[in-house]
PDB file of N, CA and C in Angstrom:
ATOM      1  N   MET A   1       9.641   3.207  -5.976  1.00  0.00           N
ATOM      2  CA  MET A   1       8.990   2.612  -6.187  1.00  0.00           C
ATOM      3  C   MET A   1       7.190   2.487  -5.845  1.00  0.00           C
ATOM      4  N   ALA A   2       7.032   2.190  -6.539  1.00  0.00           N
ATOM      5  CA  ALA A   2       5.758   2.376  -6.034  1.00  0.00           C
ATOM      6  C   ALA A   2       4.950   1.004  -5.030  1.00  0.00           C
ATOM      7  N   GLY A   3       5.478  -0.079  -4.974  1.00  0.00           N
ATOM      8  CA  GLY A   3       5.399  -1.523  -4.352  1.00  0.00           C
ATOM      9  C   GLY A   3       5.821  -2.155  -5.144  1.00  0.00           C
ATOM     10  N   GLY A   4       5.782  -3.194  -4.316  1.00  0.00           N
ATOM     11  CA  GLY A   4       6.513  -4.696  -4.615  1.00  0.00           C
ATOM     12  C   GLY A   4       6.984  -5.401  -3.324  1.00  0.00           C
ATOM     13  N   ASN A   5       7.985  -7.049  -3.980  1.00  0.00           N
ATOM     14  CA  ASN A   5       8.086  -7.792  -2.811  1.00  0.00           C
ATOM     15  C   ASN A   5       9.121  -8.142  -2.985  1.00  0.00           C
ATOM     16  N   PHE A   6      10.268  -8.581  -1.618  1.00  0.00           N
ATOM     17  CA  PHE A   6      11.419  -9.285  -2.518  1.00  0.00           C
ATOM     18  C   PHE A   6      11.956  -9.772  -1.277  1.00  0.00           C
ATOM     19  N   GLU A   7      11.953 -11.030  -1.480  1.00  0.00           N
ATOM     20  CA  GLU A   7      12.706 -12.396  -0.287  1.00  0.00           C
ATOM     21  C   GLU A   7      13.973 -12.674  -0.702  1.00  0.00           C
ATOM     22  N   MET A   8      14.621 -13.402   0.241  1.00  0.00           N
ATOM     23  CA  MET A   8      15.693 -13.783   0.495  1.00  0.00           C
ATOM     24  C   MET A   8      15.719 -14.939   1.562  1.00  0.00           C
ATOM     25  N   ASP A   9      16.165 -16.615   0.132  1.00  0.00           N
ATOM     26  CA  ASP A   9      16.394 -17.378   1.477  1.00  0.00           C
ATOM     27  C   ASP A   9      17.522 -18.004   0.907  1.00  0.00           C
ATOM     28  N   TYR A  10      18.455 -18.297   2.005  1.00  0.00           N
ATOM     29  CA  TYR A  10      19.737 -19.060   1.968  1.00  0.00           C
ATOM     30  C   TYR A  10      20.189 -19.980   3.098  1.00  0.00           C
ATOM     31  N   ASP A  11      21.506 -20.988   2.504  1.00  0.00           N
ATOM     32  CA  ASP A  11      21.924 -21.695   3.580  1.00  0.00           C
ATOM     33  C   ASP A  11      23.024 -21.795   3.112  1.00  0.00           C
ATOM     34  N   GLN A  12      24.152 -22.849   3.295  1.00  0.00           N
ATOM     35  CA  GLN A  12      25.597 -22.712   3.802  1.00  0.00           C
ATOM     36  C   GLN A  12      25.956 -22.713   2.186  1.00  0.00           C
ATOM     37  N   GLU A  13      25.129 -23.343   0.863  1.00  0.00           N
ATOM     38  CA  GLU A  13      25.134 -23.837  -0.181  1.00  0.00           C
ATOM     39  C   GLU A  13      24.835 -23.159  -1.385  1.00  0.00           C
ATOM     40  N   THR A  14      23.577 -22.481  -0.966  1.00  0.00           N
ATOM     41  CA  THR A  14      22.881 -21.994  -2.181  1.00  0.00           C
ATOM     42  C   THR A  14      21.601 -20.429  -1.595  1.00  0.00           C
ATOM     43  N   SER A  15      22.055 -19.290  -2.712  1.00  0.00           N
ATOM     44  CA  SER A  15      21.139 -18.492  -2.181  1.00  0.00           C
ATOM     45  C   SER A  15      19.928 -18.441  -3.346  1.00  0.00           C
ATOM     46  N   TYR A  16      18.498 -18.386  -2.780  1.00  0.00           N
ATOM     47  CA  TYR A  16      17.314 -17.771  -3.190  1.00  0.00           C
ATOM     48  C   TYR A  16      16.787 -16.329  -3.471  1.00  0.00           C
ATOM     49  N   PHE A  17      16.310 -16.091  -4.087  1.00  0.00           N
ATOM     50  CA  PHE A  17      16.323 -14.476  -4.273  1.00  0.00           C
ATOM     51  C   PHE A  17      14.811 -14.533  -5.412  1.00  0.00           C
ATOM     52  N   LYS A  18      14.156 -13.501  -4.295  1.00  0.00           N
ATOM     53  CA  LYS A  18      12.389 -13.848  -5.514  1.00  0.00           C
ATOM     54  C   LYS A  18      11.757 -12.201  -4.957  1.00  0.00           C
ATOM     55  N   GLY A  19      11.556 -11.829  -5.977  1.00  0.00           N
ATOM     56  CA  GLY A  19      10.907 -10.615  -6.002  1.00  0.00           C
ATOM     57  C   GLY A  19       9.873  -9.977  -7.342  1.00  0.00           C
ATOM     58  N   ASN A  20       8.691  -9.641  -6.451  1.00  0.00           N
ATOM     59  CA  ASN A  20       7.295  -9.165  -7.372  1.00  0.00           C
ATOM     60  C   ASN A  20       7.537  -7.645  -7.371  1.00  0.00           C
ATOM     61  N   CYS A  21       6.952  -7.495  -8.370  1.00  0.00           N
ATOM     62  CA  CYS A  21       6.779  -5.545  -8.248  1.00  0.00           C
ATOM     63  C   CYS A  21       6.563  -5.153  -9.853  1.00  0.00           C
ATOM     64  N   LEU A  22       5.544  -3.874  -9.924  1.00  0.00           N
ATOM     65  CA  LEU A  22       4.893  -3.791 -11.150  1.00  0.00           C
ATOM     66  C   LEU A  22       5.793  -3.547 -12.402  1.00  0.00           C
ATOM     67  N   ALA A  23       5.665  -3.375 -13.389  1.00  0.00           N
ATOM     68  CA  ALA A  23       6.532  -3.316 -14.611  1.00  0.00           C
ATOM     69  C   ALA A  23       8.095  -2.168 -14.357  1.00  0.00           C
ATOM     70  N   HIS A  24       7.930  -1.569 -13.888  1.00  0.00           N
ATOM     71  CA  HIS A  24       8.478   0.334 -14.052  1.00  0.00           C
ATOM     72  C   HIS A  24       9.469   0.124 -12.886  1.00  0.00           C
ATOM     73  N   ASP A  25       8.864  -0.343 -12.075  1.00  0.00           N
ATOM     74  CA  ASP A  25       9.777  -1.098 -11.037  1.00  0.00           C
ATOM     75  C   ASP A  25      11.184  -2.055 -11.278  1.00  0.00           C
ATOM     76  N   VAL A  26      10.850  -2.808 -11.892  1.00  0.00           N
ATOM     77  CA  VAL A  26      11.836  -4.126 -12.754  1.00  0.00           C
ATOM     78  C   VAL A  26      13.368  -3.611 -12.679  1.00  0.00           C
ATOM     79  N   VAL A  27      14.003  -2.872 -13.178  1.00  0.00           N
ATOM     80  CA  VAL A  27      15.340  -2.251 -13.062  1.00  0.00           C
ATOM     81  C   VAL A  27      15.712  -2.293 -11.355  1.00  0.00           C
ATOM     82  N   ASP A  28      14.964  -1.477 -10.723  1.00  0.00           N
ATOM     83  CA  ASP A  28      15.439  -1.177  -9.387  1.00  0.00           C
ATOM     84  C   ASP A  28      15.460  -2.352  -8.494  1.00  0.00           C
ATOM     85  N   ILE A  29      14.604  -3.165  -8.679  1.00  0.00           N
ATOM     86  CA  ILE A  29      14.363  -4.168  -8.009  1.00  0.00           C
ATOM     87  C   ILE A  29      15.838  -5.327  -8.373  1.00  0.00           C
ATOM     88  N   PHE A  30      15.884  -5.438  -9.757  1.00  0.00           N
ATOM     89  CA  PHE A  30      16.943  -6.338 -10.129  1.00  0.00           C
ATOM     90  C   PHE A  30      18.508  -5.846  -9.654  1.00  0.00           C
ATOM     91  N   ASN A  31      18.142  -4.183  -9.711  1.00  0.00           N
ATOM     92  CA  ASN A  31      19.759  -3.996  -8.989  1.00  0.00           C
ATOM     93  C   ASN A  31      19.857  -4.076  -7.547  1.00  0.00           C
ATOM     94  N   MET A  32      18.961  -4.249  -6.842  1.00  0.00           N
ATOM     95  CA  MET A  32      18.873  -4.150  -4.881  1.00  0.00           C
ATOM     96  C   MET A  32      19.016  -5.675  -4.965  1.00  0.00           C
ATOM     97  N   MET A  33      18.613  -6.838  -6.412  1.00  0.00           N
ATOM     98  CA  MET A  33      18.732  -8.147  -5.936  1.00  0.00           C
ATOM     99  C   MET A  33      20.170  -8.747  -6.301  1.00  0.00           C
ATOM    100  N   ALA A  34      21.025  -8.189  -7.029  1.00  0.00           N
ATOM    101  CA  ALA A  34      22.328  -7.585  -7.570  1.00  0.00           C
ATOM    102  C   ALA A  34      22.984  -7.370  -6.387  1.00  0.00           C
ATOM    103  N   ASP A  35      22.951  -6.128  -6.076  1.00  0.00           N
ATOM    104  CA  ASP A  35      23.381  -5.635  -4.522  1.00  0.00           C
ATOM    105  C   ASP A  35      23.562  -6.835  -3.617  1.00  0.00           C
ATOM    106  N   CYS A  36      22.542  -7.336  -3.736  1.00  0.00           N
ATOM    107  CA  CYS A  36      22.234  -8.531  -2.128  1.00  0.00           C
ATOM    108  C   CYS A  36      23.111  -9.696  -2.452  1.00  0.00           C
ATOM    109  N   ALA A  37      23.372  -9.300  -3.953  1.00  0.00           N
ATOM    110  CA  ALA A  37      23.621 -11.047  -4.287  1.00  0.00           C
ATOM    111  C   ALA A  37      25.430 -11.448  -4.002  1.00  0.00           C
ATOM    112  N   LEU A  38      25.508  -9.940  -4.585  1.00  0.00           N
ATOM    113  CA  LEU A  38      27.116  -9.587  -4.703  1.00  0.00           C
ATOM    114  C   LEU A  38      28.131  -8.979  -3.909  1.00  0.00           C
ATOM    115  N   GLU A  39      27.326  -8.115  -2.986  1.00  0.00           N
ATOM    116  CA  GLU A  39      28.018  -7.982  -1.725  1.00  0.00           C
ATOM    117  C   GLU A  39      28.430  -8.659  -0.735  1.00  0.00           C
ATOM    118  N   PRO A  40      29.260  -8.590   0.151  1.00  0.00           N
ATOM    119  CA  PRO A  40      30.261  -9.192   1.043  1.00  0.00           C
ATOM    120  C   PRO A  40      28.962  -9.487   2.155  1.00  0.00           C
ATOM    121  N   ARG A  41      29.003 -10.882   2.395  1.00  0.00           N
ATOM    122  CA  ARG A  41      28.281 -11.070   3.451  1.00  0.00           C
ATOM    123  C   ARG A  41      28.339 -10.511   4.783  1.00  0.00           C
ATOM    124  N   SER A  42      27.310 -10.076   5.407  1.00  0.00           N
ATOM    125  CA  SER A  42      27.163  -9.285   6.646  1.00  0.00           C
ATOM    126  C   SER A  42      25.973  -9.215   7.277  1.00  0.00           C
ATOM    127  N   VAL A  43      25.250  -9.094   8.295  1.00  0.00           N
ATOM    128  CA  VAL A  43      24.174  -8.660   8.603  1.00  0.00           C
ATOM    129  C   VAL A  43      23.725  -7.737   7.970  1.00  0.00           C
ATOM    130  N   VAL A  44      24.361  -6.121   7.873  1.00  0.00           N
ATOM    131  CA  VAL A  44      23.485  -5.759   6.439  1.00  0.00           C
ATOM    132  C   VAL A  44      23.795  -5.584   5.153  1.00  0.00           C
ATOM    133  N   ALA A  45      24.205  -6.682   4.601  1.00  0.00           N
ATOM    134  CA  ALA A  45      24.147  -6.584   3.166  1.00  0.00           C
ATOM    135  C   ALA A  45      22.717  -6.741   2.163  1.00  0.00           C
ATOM    136  N   ALA A  46      21.637  -7.068   2.851  1.00  0.00           N
ATOM    137  CA  ALA A  46      20.658  -6.855   2.221  1.00  0.00           C
ATOM    138  C   ALA A  46      19.955  -5.356   2.585  1.00  0.00           C
ATOM    139  N   ASN A  47      20.124  -4.463   3.461  1.00  0.00           N
ATOM    140  CA  ASN A  47      20.438  -3.449   3.851  1.00  0.00           C
ATOM    141  C   ASN A  47      21.400  -2.405   2.767  1.00  0.00           C
ATOM    142  N   VAL A  48      22.346  -2.731   2.336  1.00  0.00           N
ATOM    143  CA  VAL A  48      22.681  -1.749   1.341  1.00  0.00           C
ATOM    144  C   VAL A  48      22.377  -1.826   0.066  1.00  0.00           C
ATOM    145  N   GLY A  49      21.755  -3.132  -0.526  1.00  0.00           N
ATOM    146  CA  GLY A  49      21.073  -2.913  -1.703  1.00  0.00           C
ATOM    147  C   GLY A  49      19.448  -2.270  -2.043  1.00  0.00           C
ATOM    148  N   ALA A  50      19.021  -2.204  -0.809  1.00  0.00           N
ATOM    149  CA  ALA A  50      17.977  -1.522  -0.293  1.00  0.00           C
ATOM    150  C   ALA A  50      18.042   0.068  -0.233  1.00  0.00           C
ATOM    151  N   GLU A  51      19.263   0.474   0.357  1.00  0.00           N
ATOM    152  CA  GLU A  51      19.786   1.601   0.466  1.00  0.00           C
ATOM    153  C   GLU A  51      19.591   2.363  -0.793  1.00  0.00           C
ATOM    154  N   LYS A  52      20.931   1.752  -1.418  1.00  0.00           N
ATOM    155  CA  LYS A  52      21.197   2.367  -2.877  1.00  0.00           C
ATOM    156  C   LYS A  52      19.829   2.452  -3.674  1.00  0.00           C
ATOM    157  N   ASN A  53      18.942   1.801  -3.530  1.00  0.00           N
ATOM    158  CA  ASN A  53      17.731   1.652  -4.292  1.00  0.00           C
ATOM    159  C   ASN A  53      16.741   2.883  -4.373  1.00  0.00           C
ATOM    160  N   LYS A  54      16.909   3.592  -3.347  1.00  0.00           N
ATOM    161  CA  LYS A  54      16.372   4.270  -2.413  1.00  0.00           C
ATOM    162  C   LYS A  54      17.360   6.097  -3.186  1.00  0.00           C
ATOM    163  N   GLY A  55      18.410   6.222  -3.122  1.00  0.00           N
ATOM    164  CA  GLY A  55      18.712   6.649  -3.418  1.00  0.00           C
ATOM    165  C   GLY A  55      19.038   6.799  -5.214  1.00  0.00           C
ATOM    166  N   THR A  56      18.989   6.092  -5.853  1.00  0.00           N
ATOM    167  CA  THR A  56      18.372   6.033  -6.867  1.00  0.00           C
ATOM    168  C   THR A  56      17.642   6.330  -7.496  1.00  0.00           C
ATOM    169  N   HIS A  57      16.435   5.638  -6.855  1.00  0.00           N
ATOM    170  CA  HIS A  57      15.344   6.303  -7.219  1.00  0.00           C
ATOM    171  C   HIS A  57      14.927   7.782  -7.345  1.00  0.00           C
ATOM    172  N   ALA A  58      15.289   8.455  -5.943  1.00  0.00           N
ATOM    173  CA  ALA A  58      15.416   9.860  -5.281  1.00  0.00           C
ATOM    174  C   ALA A  58      16.281  10.090  -6.758  1.00  0.00           C
ATOM    175  N   LEU A  59      17.068   9.951  -7.079  1.00  0.00           N
ATOM    176  CA  LEU A  59      18.123  10.695  -8.177  1.00  0.00           C
ATOM    177  C   LEU A  59      17.576  10.566  -9.355  1.00  0.00           C
ATOM    178  N   GLU A  60      16.814   9.741  -9.900  1.00  0.00           N
ATOM    179  CA  GLU A  60      16.057   9.436 -11.233  1.00  0.00           C
ATOM    180  C   GLU A  60      14.998  10.686 -11.049  1.00  0.00           C
ATOM    181  N   SER A  61      13.947  10.457  -9.828  1.00  0.00           N
ATOM    182  CA  SER A  61      12.949  11.536  -9.734  1.00  0.00           C
ATOM    183  C   SER A  61      13.456  12.807  -9.746  1.00  0.00           C
ATOM    184  N   LEU A  62      14.587  13.213  -9.395  1.00  0.00           N
ATOM    185  CA  LEU A  62      15.230  14.602  -9.840  1.00  0.00           C
ATOM    186  C   LEU A  62      15.683  14.795 -11.165  1.00  0.00           C
ATOM    187  N   LEU A  63      16.062  13.817 -11.771  1.00  0.00           N
ATOM    188  CA  LEU A  63      16.667  13.794 -13.169  1.00  0.00           C
ATOM    189  C   LEU A  63      15.070  13.514 -14.170  1.00  0.00           C
ATOM    190  N   GLY A  64      14.367  13.831 -13.124  1.00  0.00           N
ATOM    191  CA  GLY A  64      12.906  13.724 -14.571  1.00  0.00           C
ATOM    192  C   GLY A  64      12.720  12.279 -14.980  1.00  0.00           C
ATOM    193  N   GLY A  65      13.460  11.269 -15.085  1.00  0.00           N
ATOM    194  CA  GLY A  65      13.505  10.049 -15.397  1.00  0.00           C
ATOM    195  C   GLY A  65      12.105   9.374 -15.513  1.00  0.00           C
ATOM    196  N   ASP A  66      11.599   8.497 -16.275  1.00  0.00           N
ATOM    197  CA  ASP A  66      10.248   7.307 -16.572  1.00  0.00           C
ATOM    198  C   ASP A  66      10.357   6.391 -15.760  1.00  0.00           C
TER     199      ASP A  66
END
């Protein structure tokens, strides 16, 4: 990813996700947000999405994707 910002705020009833990025990073940010929202809640739930995003981006660059 070229850059961006990701925020998550939550309480017992709601979760609020906010992400800002460049247009070509929308799919990566959306996948990371979906991983954060759907993974089981734990201390490292947000880190799971971030780590998966790094691997996906590295794979895409190896395959010559845009």
